[in-house]
């Protein structure tokens, strides 16, 4: 199968053999695609290696011959996103999250649009934490892991004045001391469900909630979290 001019982003790149790169890309119409960029690490490559970097909107072409395709064309679709500091760390997290949760050759055009929208928000200086919470919520829903935010595990409406423990398998449960799930205010769950930016305190609670859900989905920690912990503030 030959694909041409496919909107895409590079999620991750690593050296492959002596002169090539192995790319994990996120594409609009084909989902996550593994590609070999042959010879790109040579001094005289047909493509500038710098364009095959994360956060660069691309138009890719490839030939699929098995689990890995062979890159045949690459063009920059627009200027690379300029992110620094916390926004750059957030983008690294977004890339790793998509990489860990998505499956190869499983197309999710809306998830691709959500990803591009999140990067744009980070690049435009929107609130970093709120941009991430919105993206996580929408990505989970698009990939089949949607969170029940407006009702409890027992089917009752979430009470804005109550506190809950959120079980990723069941949903919101009344908070009890000793629970190993993060404590979160009902008002925070309702705000996220309604796409209304919550208070700073509730954003912190939503961050803990989302990390608990991500750990549950991927079976552990993310490398971007460890990297963020080691970055001097």
C-alpha atoms as a PDB file:
ATOM      1  CA  UNK A   1       0.000   0.000   0.000  1.00  0.00           C
ATOM      2  CA  UNK A   2       1.299   3.440  -0.939  1.00  0.00           C
ATOM      3  CA  UNK A   3       0.267   6.509   1.038  1.00  0.00           C
ATOM      4  CA  UNK A   4       0.962  10.070  -0.032  1.00  0.00           C
ATOM      5  CA  UNK A   5       0.601  13.520   1.552  1.00  0.00           C
ATOM      6  CA  UNK A   6      -0.715  12.206   4.855  1.00  0.00           C
ATOM      7  CA  UNK A   7      -0.980  14.761   7.688  1.00  0.00           C
ATOM      8  CA  UNK A   8       1.159  13.455  10.538  1.00  0.00           C
ATOM      9  CA  UNK A   9       3.406  14.150  13.504  1.00  0.00           C
ATOM     10  CA  UNK A  10       6.451  12.265  14.750  1.00  0.00           C
ATOM     11  CA  UNK A  11       5.808  10.966  18.261  1.00  0.00           C
ATOM     12  CA  UNK A  12       9.210   9.366  18.759  1.00  0.00           C
ATOM     13  CA  UNK A  13      12.383   8.779  16.744  1.00  0.00           C
ATOM     14  CA  UNK A  14      15.393   6.601  17.432  1.00  0.00           C
ATOM     15  CA  UNK A  15      18.467   5.425  15.598  1.00  0.00           C
ATOM     16  CA  UNK A  16      17.947   2.358  13.427  1.00  0.00           C
ATOM     17  CA  UNK A  17      20.895   0.423  12.030  1.00  0.00           C
ATOM     18  CA  UNK A  18      23.793   2.607  10.899  1.00  0.00           C
ATOM     19  CA  UNK A  19      22.183   5.393   8.894  1.00  0.00           C
ATOM     20  CA  UNK A  20      18.428   5.234   9.427  1.00  0.00           C
ATOM     21  CA  UNK A  21      15.770   6.306  11.894  1.00  0.00           C
ATOM     22  CA  UNK A  22      12.848   4.335  13.237  1.00  0.00           C
ATOM     23  CA  UNK A  23       9.871   6.650  13.573  1.00  0.00           C
ATOM     24  CA  UNK A  24       6.644   6.265  15.469  1.00  0.00           C
ATOM     25  CA  UNK A  25       4.233   8.634  13.778  1.00  0.00           C
ATOM     26  CA  UNK A  26       0.676   9.689  14.491  1.00  0.00           C
ATOM     27  CA  UNK A  27      -1.293  10.153  11.283  1.00  0.00           C
ATOM     28  CA  UNK A  28      -4.755  11.492  10.557  1.00  0.00           C
ATOM     29  CA  UNK A  29      -6.156   8.609   8.517  1.00  0.00           C
ATOM     30  CA  UNK A  30      -4.000   5.625   9.521  1.00  0.00           C
ATOM     31  CA  UNK A  31      -3.498   6.109  13.249  1.00  0.00           C
ATOM     32  CA  UNK A  32      -0.096   5.285  14.673  1.00  0.00           C
ATOM     33  CA  UNK A  33       2.335   4.111  11.999  1.00  0.00           C
ATOM     34  CA  UNK A  34       5.881   2.792  12.389  1.00  0.00           C
ATOM     35  CA  UNK A  35       8.175   3.975   9.597  1.00  0.00           C
ATOM     36  CA  UNK A  36      11.796   3.457   8.640  1.00  0.00           C
ATOM     37  CA  UNK A  37      13.490   6.598   7.338  1.00  0.00           C
ATOM     38  CA  UNK A  38      16.343   5.021   5.406  1.00  0.00           C
ATOM     39  CA  UNK A  39      19.631   6.851   5.121  1.00  0.00           C
ATOM     40  CA  UNK A  40      18.400   9.949   6.909  1.00  0.00           C
ATOM     41  CA  UNK A  41      21.389   9.953   9.259  1.00  0.00           C
ATOM     42  CA  UNK A  42      23.871  10.142   6.385  1.00  0.00           C
ATOM     43  CA  UNK A  43      25.676  13.444   5.907  1.00  0.00           C
ATOM     44  CA  UNK A  44      23.968  13.851   2.548  1.00  0.00           C
ATOM     45  CA  UNK A  45      20.425  12.663   3.051  1.00  0.00           C
ATOM     46  CA  UNK A  46      17.524  13.271   0.692  1.00  0.00           C
ATOM     47  CA  UNK A  47      15.585  14.688   3.677  1.00  0.00           C
ATOM     48  CA  UNK A  48      16.827  17.099   6.340  1.00  0.00           C
ATOM     49  CA  UNK A  49      16.942  15.098   9.560  1.00  0.00           C
ATOM     50  CA  UNK A  50      15.730  18.139  11.463  1.00  0.00           C
ATOM     51  CA  UNK A  51      12.295  17.999   9.850  1.00  0.00           C
ATOM     52  CA  UNK A  52      11.663  14.507  11.271  1.00  0.00           C
ATOM     53  CA  UNK A  53      11.327  15.794  14.809  1.00  0.00           C
ATOM     54  CA  UNK A  54       8.388  15.826  17.210  1.00  0.00           C
ATOM     55  CA  UNK A  55       6.135  18.915  17.206  1.00  0.00           C
ATOM     56  CA  UNK A  56       6.612  19.520  13.482  1.00  0.00           C
ATOM     57  CA  UNK A  57       3.387  19.248  11.434  1.00  0.00           C
ATOM     58  CA  UNK A  58       4.227  17.046   8.452  1.00  0.00           C
ATOM     59  CA  UNK A  59       2.898  15.596   5.243  1.00  0.00           C
ATOM     60  CA  UNK A  60       4.277  12.072   4.902  1.00  0.00           C
ATOM     61  CA  UNK A  61       4.413   9.473   2.197  1.00  0.00           C
ATOM     62  CA  UNK A  62       5.297   5.835   2.700  1.00  0.00           C
ATOM     63  CA  UNK A  63       5.030   2.343   1.335  1.00  0.00           C
ATOM     64  CA  UNK A  64       3.637  -0.231   3.751  1.00  0.00           C
ATOM     65  CA  UNK A  65       5.256  -3.637   3.332  1.00  0.00           C
ATOM     66  CA  UNK A  66       4.569  -5.176   6.743  1.00  0.00           C
ATOM     67  CA  UNK A  67       4.544  -4.012  10.319  1.00  0.00           C
ATOM     68  CA  UNK A  68       6.922  -1.181   9.407  1.00  0.00           C
ATOM     69  CA  UNK A  69       6.498   1.068   6.395  1.00  0.00           C
ATOM     70  CA  UNK A  70       9.270   2.758   4.447  1.00  0.00           C
ATOM     71  CA  UNK A  71       9.245   6.528   4.338  1.00  0.00           C
ATOM     72  CA  UNK A  72       9.166   7.811   0.758  1.00  0.00           C
ATOM     73  CA  UNK A  73       8.367  11.512   1.145  1.00  0.00           C
ATOM     74  CA  UNK A  74       8.284  14.159   3.853  1.00  0.00           C
ATOM     75  CA  UNK A  75       7.305  17.798   3.722  1.00  0.00           C
ATOM     76  CA  UNK A  76       6.784  20.320   6.487  1.00  0.00           C
ATOM     77  CA  UNK A  77       3.082  21.197   6.579  1.00  0.00           C
ATOM     78  CA  UNK A  78       3.786  24.396   8.541  1.00  0.00           C
ATOM     79  CA  UNK A  79       6.388  25.881  10.830  1.00  0.00           C
ATOM     80  CA  UNK A  80       7.371  23.743  13.836  1.00  0.00           C
ATOM     81  CA  UNK A  81       5.680  24.540  17.118  1.00  0.00           C
ATOM     82  CA  UNK A  82       7.861  26.670  19.386  1.00  0.00           C
ATOM     83  CA  UNK A  83       7.414  25.382  22.931  1.00  0.00           C
ATOM     84  CA  UNK A  84       9.573  26.014  25.972  1.00  0.00           C
ATOM     85  CA  UNK A  85       9.635  25.193  29.644  1.00  0.00           C
ATOM     86  CA  UNK A  86       6.510  23.615  31.076  1.00  0.00           C
ATOM     87  CA  UNK A  87       4.752  23.698  27.714  1.00  0.00           C
ATOM     88  CA  UNK A  88       7.535  21.665  26.101  1.00  0.00           C
ATOM     89  CA  UNK A  89       7.448  19.139  28.958  1.00  0.00           C
ATOM     90  CA  UNK A  90       3.670  18.961  28.550  1.00  0.00           C
ATOM     91  CA  UNK A  91       4.042  18.265  24.830  1.00  0.00           C
ATOM     92  CA  UNK A  92       6.511  15.459  25.583  1.00  0.00           C
ATOM     93  CA  UNK A  93       3.918  13.972  27.915  1.00  0.00           C
ATOM     94  CA  UNK A  94       1.185  14.271  25.275  1.00  0.00           C
ATOM     95  CA  UNK A  95       3.392  12.455  22.764  1.00  0.00           C
ATOM     96  CA  UNK A  96       4.153   9.644  25.184  1.00  0.00           C
ATOM     97  CA  UNK A  97       0.501   9.334  26.174  1.00  0.00           C
ATOM     98  CA  UNK A  98      -0.607   8.936  22.555  1.00  0.00           C
ATOM     99  CA  UNK A  99       2.240   6.501  21.904  1.00  0.00           C
ATOM    100  CA  UNK A 100       1.343   4.327  24.897  1.00  0.00           C
ATOM    101  CA  UNK A 101      -2.440   4.339  24.474  1.00  0.00           C
ATOM    102  CA  UNK A 102      -2.823   4.060  20.704  1.00  0.00           C
ATOM    103  CA  UNK A 103      -2.459   0.969  18.569  1.00  0.00           C
ATOM    104  CA  UNK A 104      -0.723   0.793  15.223  1.00  0.00           C
ATOM    105  CA  UNK A 105      -2.974   1.034  12.170  1.00  0.00           C
ATOM    106  CA  UNK A 106      -5.998   1.971  14.304  1.00  0.00           C
ATOM    107  CA  UNK A 107      -7.285   5.151  12.703  1.00  0.00           C
ATOM    108  CA  UNK A 108      -8.775   7.856  14.935  1.00  0.00           C
ATOM    109  CA  UNK A 109      -9.091  11.062  12.891  1.00  0.00           C
ATOM    110  CA  UNK A 110     -10.773  12.868  15.787  1.00  0.00           C
ATOM    111  CA  UNK A 111      -7.994  11.834  18.176  1.00  0.00           C
ATOM    112  CA  UNK A 112      -5.516  13.267  15.660  1.00  0.00           C
ATOM    113  CA  UNK A 113      -7.482  16.529  15.597  1.00  0.00           C
ATOM    114  CA  UNK A 114      -7.558  16.615  19.414  1.00  0.00           C
ATOM    115  CA  UNK A 115      -3.801  16.077  19.520  1.00  0.00           C
ATOM    116  CA  UNK A 116      -3.146  18.921  17.076  1.00  0.00           C
ATOM    117  CA  UNK A 117      -5.543  21.149  19.019  1.00  0.00           C
ATOM    118  CA  UNK A 118      -3.770  20.443  22.306  1.00  0.00           C
ATOM    119  CA  UNK A 119      -0.362  21.280  20.827  1.00  0.00           C
ATOM    120  CA  UNK A 120      -1.808  24.483  19.382  1.00  0.00           C
ATOM    121  CA  UNK A 121      -3.196  25.480  22.776  1.00  0.00           C
ATOM    122  CA  UNK A 122       0.185  24.891  24.383  1.00  0.00           C
ATOM    123  CA  UNK A 123       1.851  26.926  21.659  1.00  0.00           C
ATOM    124  CA  UNK A 124      -0.613  29.780  22.101  1.00  0.00           C
ATOM    125  CA  UNK A 125       0.084  30.045  25.814  1.00  0.00           C
ATOM    126  CA  UNK A 126      -3.196  28.623  27.113  1.00  0.00           C
ATOM    127  CA  UNK A 127      -3.175  27.351  30.684  1.00  0.00           C
ATOM    128  CA  UNK A 128      -0.927  24.285  30.514  1.00  0.00           C
ATOM    129  CA  UNK A 129      -2.655  22.197  33.191  1.00  0.00           C
ATOM    130  CA  UNK A 130      -6.143  22.870  31.860  1.00  0.00           C
ATOM    131  CA  UNK A 131      -5.068  22.148  28.272  1.00  0.00           C
ATOM    132  CA  UNK A 132      -3.729  18.761  29.390  1.00  0.00           C
ATOM    133  CA  UNK A 133      -6.815  17.840  31.407  1.00  0.00           C
ATOM    134  CA  UNK A 134      -9.092  18.628  28.471  1.00  0.00           C
ATOM    135  CA  UNK A 135      -6.923  16.605  26.107  1.00  0.00           C
ATOM    136  CA  UNK A 136      -6.739  13.605  28.441  1.00  0.00           C
ATOM    137  CA  UNK A 137     -10.505  13.626  28.927  1.00  0.00           C
ATOM    138  CA  UNK A 138     -11.214  13.791  25.203  1.00  0.00           C
ATOM    139  CA  UNK A 139      -8.486  11.334  24.169  1.00  0.00           C
ATOM    140  CA  UNK A 140      -9.678   8.735  26.679  1.00  0.00           C
ATOM    141  CA  UNK A 141     -13.210   9.057  25.335  1.00  0.00           C
ATOM    142  CA  UNK A 142     -12.105   8.783  21.703  1.00  0.00           C
ATOM    143  CA  UNK A 143     -10.022   5.662  22.367  1.00  0.00           C
ATOM    144  CA  UNK A 144     -12.777   3.904  24.307  1.00  0.00           C
ATOM    145  CA  UNK A 145     -11.673   4.743  27.849  1.00  0.00           C
ATOM    146  CA  UNK A 146     -14.196   7.508  28.534  1.00  0.00           C
ATOM    147  CA  UNK A 147     -14.537   8.742  32.117  1.00  0.00           C
ATOM    148  CA  UNK A 148     -17.914   8.984  33.862  1.00  0.00           C
ATOM    149  CA  UNK A 149     -17.700  12.461  35.354  1.00  0.00           C
ATOM    150  CA  UNK A 150     -21.324  13.512  35.861  1.00  0.00           C
ATOM    151  CA  UNK A 151     -22.579  10.415  37.673  1.00  0.00           C
ATOM    152  CA  UNK A 152     -21.202   8.140  40.377  1.00  0.00           C
ATOM    153  CA  UNK A 153     -20.441   4.442  40.143  1.00  0.00           C
ATOM    154  CA  UNK A 154     -23.901   3.890  41.660  1.00  0.00           C
ATOM    155  CA  UNK A 155     -25.640   5.916  38.959  1.00  0.00           C
ATOM    156  CA  UNK A 156     -26.340   8.961  41.103  1.00  0.00           C
ATOM    157  CA  UNK A 157     -25.530  12.520  39.990  1.00  0.00           C
ATOM    158  CA  UNK A 158     -22.167  13.752  41.226  1.00  0.00           C
ATOM    159  CA  UNK A 159     -22.649  16.199  44.114  1.00  0.00           C
ATOM    160  CA  UNK A 160     -20.554  19.358  43.754  1.00  0.00           C
ATOM    161  CA  UNK A 161     -20.237  19.614  47.541  1.00  0.00           C
ATOM    162  CA  UNK A 162     -19.112  16.007  48.099  1.00  0.00           C
ATOM    163  CA  UNK A 163     -15.685  14.389  47.848  1.00  0.00           C
ATOM    164  CA  UNK A 164     -15.066  11.237  45.858  1.00  0.00           C
ATOM    165  CA  UNK A 165     -12.483   8.561  45.196  1.00  0.00           C
ATOM    166  CA  UNK A 166     -12.278   7.803  41.476  1.00  0.00           C
ATOM    167  CA  UNK A 167     -11.844   4.126  40.609  1.00  0.00           C
ATOM    168  CA  UNK A 168     -10.797   3.861  36.929  1.00  0.00           C
ATOM    169  CA  UNK A 169     -12.745   0.614  36.609  1.00  0.00           C
ATOM    170  CA  UNK A 170     -15.933   1.750  38.354  1.00  0.00           C
ATOM    171  CA  UNK A 171     -16.065   5.547  38.466  1.00  0.00           C
ATOM    172  CA  UNK A 172     -16.664   8.000  41.304  1.00  0.00           C
ATOM    173  CA  UNK A 173     -17.231   6.478  44.743  1.00  0.00           C
ATOM    174  CA  UNK A 174     -17.925   8.299  48.021  1.00  0.00           C
ATOM    175  CA  UNK A 175     -14.617   9.231  49.625  1.00  0.00           C
ATOM    176  CA  UNK A 176     -13.515   7.080  52.525  1.00  0.00           C
ATOM    177  CA  UNK A 177     -10.323   7.537  54.544  1.00  0.00           C
ATOM    178  CA  UNK A 178      -7.783   4.933  53.552  1.00  0.00           C
ATOM    179  CA  UNK A 179      -8.856   4.777  49.929  1.00  0.00           C
ATOM    180  CA  UNK A 180      -5.917   4.248  47.587  1.00  0.00           C
ATOM    181  CA  UNK A 181      -7.620   6.278  44.865  1.00  0.00           C
ATOM    182  CA  UNK A 182      -7.076  10.062  44.661  1.00  0.00           C
ATOM    183  CA  UNK A 183      -9.507  12.251  46.568  1.00  0.00           C
ATOM    184  CA  UNK A 184     -11.344  14.656  44.293  1.00  0.00           C
ATOM    185  CA  UNK A 185     -14.109  17.170  44.787  1.00  0.00           C
ATOM    186  CA  UNK A 186     -17.381  16.642  43.003  1.00  0.00           C
ATOM    187  CA  UNK A 187     -17.125  20.230  41.772  1.00  0.00           C
ATOM    188  CA  UNK A 188     -13.875  19.341  39.977  1.00  0.00           C
ATOM    189  CA  UNK A 189     -15.489  16.376  38.209  1.00  0.00           C
ATOM    190  CA  UNK A 190     -18.466  18.485  37.172  1.00  0.00           C
ATOM    191  CA  UNK A 191     -16.222  21.284  35.862  1.00  0.00           C
ATOM    192  CA  UNK A 192     -14.245  18.840  33.720  1.00  0.00           C
ATOM    193  CA  UNK A 193     -17.439  17.245  32.424  1.00  0.00           C
ATOM    194  CA  UNK A 194     -18.828  20.667  31.469  1.00  0.00           C
ATOM    195  CA  UNK A 195     -15.519  21.887  30.042  1.00  0.00           C
ATOM    196  CA  UNK A 196     -15.470  24.746  32.530  1.00  0.00           C
ATOM    197  CA  UNK A 197     -12.023  25.653  33.849  1.00  0.00           C
ATOM    198  CA  UNK A 198     -11.921  24.732  37.566  1.00  0.00           C
ATOM    199  CA  UNK A 199     -10.084  26.425  40.409  1.00  0.00           C
ATOM    200  CA  UNK A 200      -6.340  25.946  40.866  1.00  0.00           C
ATOM    201  CA  UNK A 201      -6.992  23.566  43.773  1.00  0.00           C
ATOM    202  CA  UNK A 202      -9.351  21.462  41.689  1.00  0.00           C
ATOM    203  CA  UNK A 203      -6.889  21.417  38.782  1.00  0.00           C
ATOM    204  CA  UNK A 204      -4.350  19.830  41.137  1.00  0.00           C
ATOM    205  CA  UNK A 205      -6.933  17.192  42.090  1.00  0.00           C
ATOM    206  CA  UNK A 206      -7.753  16.526  38.442  1.00  0.00           C
ATOM    207  CA  UNK A 207      -4.046  16.051  37.720  1.00  0.00           C
ATOM    208  CA  UNK A 208      -3.872  13.361  40.406  1.00  0.00           C
ATOM    209  CA  UNK A 209      -7.011  11.749  39.003  1.00  0.00           C
ATOM    210  CA  UNK A 210      -5.658  11.646  35.461  1.00  0.00           C
ATOM    211  CA  UNK A 211      -2.331  10.215  36.583  1.00  0.00           C
ATOM    212  CA  UNK A 212      -4.185   7.463  38.408  1.00  0.00           C
ATOM    213  CA  UNK A 213      -6.170   6.677  35.262  1.00  0.00           C
ATOM    214  CA  UNK A 214      -3.065   6.709  33.058  1.00  0.00           C
ATOM    215  CA  UNK A 215      -1.218   4.363  35.422  1.00  0.00           C
ATOM    216  CA  UNK A 216      -4.195   2.042  35.281  1.00  0.00           C
ATOM    217  CA  UNK A 217      -4.322   2.098  31.472  1.00  0.00           C
ATOM    218  CA  UNK A 218      -0.598   1.700  30.735  1.00  0.00           C
ATOM    219  CA  UNK A 219       0.309  -0.410  33.765  1.00  0.00           C
ATOM    220  CA  UNK A 220       2.831   1.929  35.337  1.00  0.00           C
ATOM    221  CA  UNK A 221       4.650   5.240  35.170  1.00  0.00           C
ATOM    222  CA  UNK A 222       5.513   7.354  32.134  1.00  0.00           C
ATOM    223  CA  UNK A 223       9.055   8.428  31.320  1.00  0.00           C
ATOM    224  CA  UNK A 224       7.919  12.016  30.796  1.00  0.00           C
ATOM    225  CA  UNK A 225       6.751  12.169  34.434  1.00  0.00           C
ATOM    226  CA  UNK A 226      10.191  11.140  35.661  1.00  0.00           C
ATOM    227  CA  UNK A 227      11.800  13.676  33.330  1.00  0.00           C
ATOM    228  CA  UNK A 228       9.520  16.458  34.612  1.00  0.00           C
ATOM    229  CA  UNK A 229      10.411  15.625  38.216  1.00  0.00           C
ATOM    230  CA  UNK A 230      14.089  16.061  37.412  1.00  0.00           C
ATOM    231  CA  UNK A 231      13.791  19.420  35.666  1.00  0.00           C
ATOM    232  CA  UNK A 232      14.888  22.331  37.916  1.00  0.00           C
ATOM    233  CA  UNK A 233      12.137  24.876  38.556  1.00  0.00           C
END
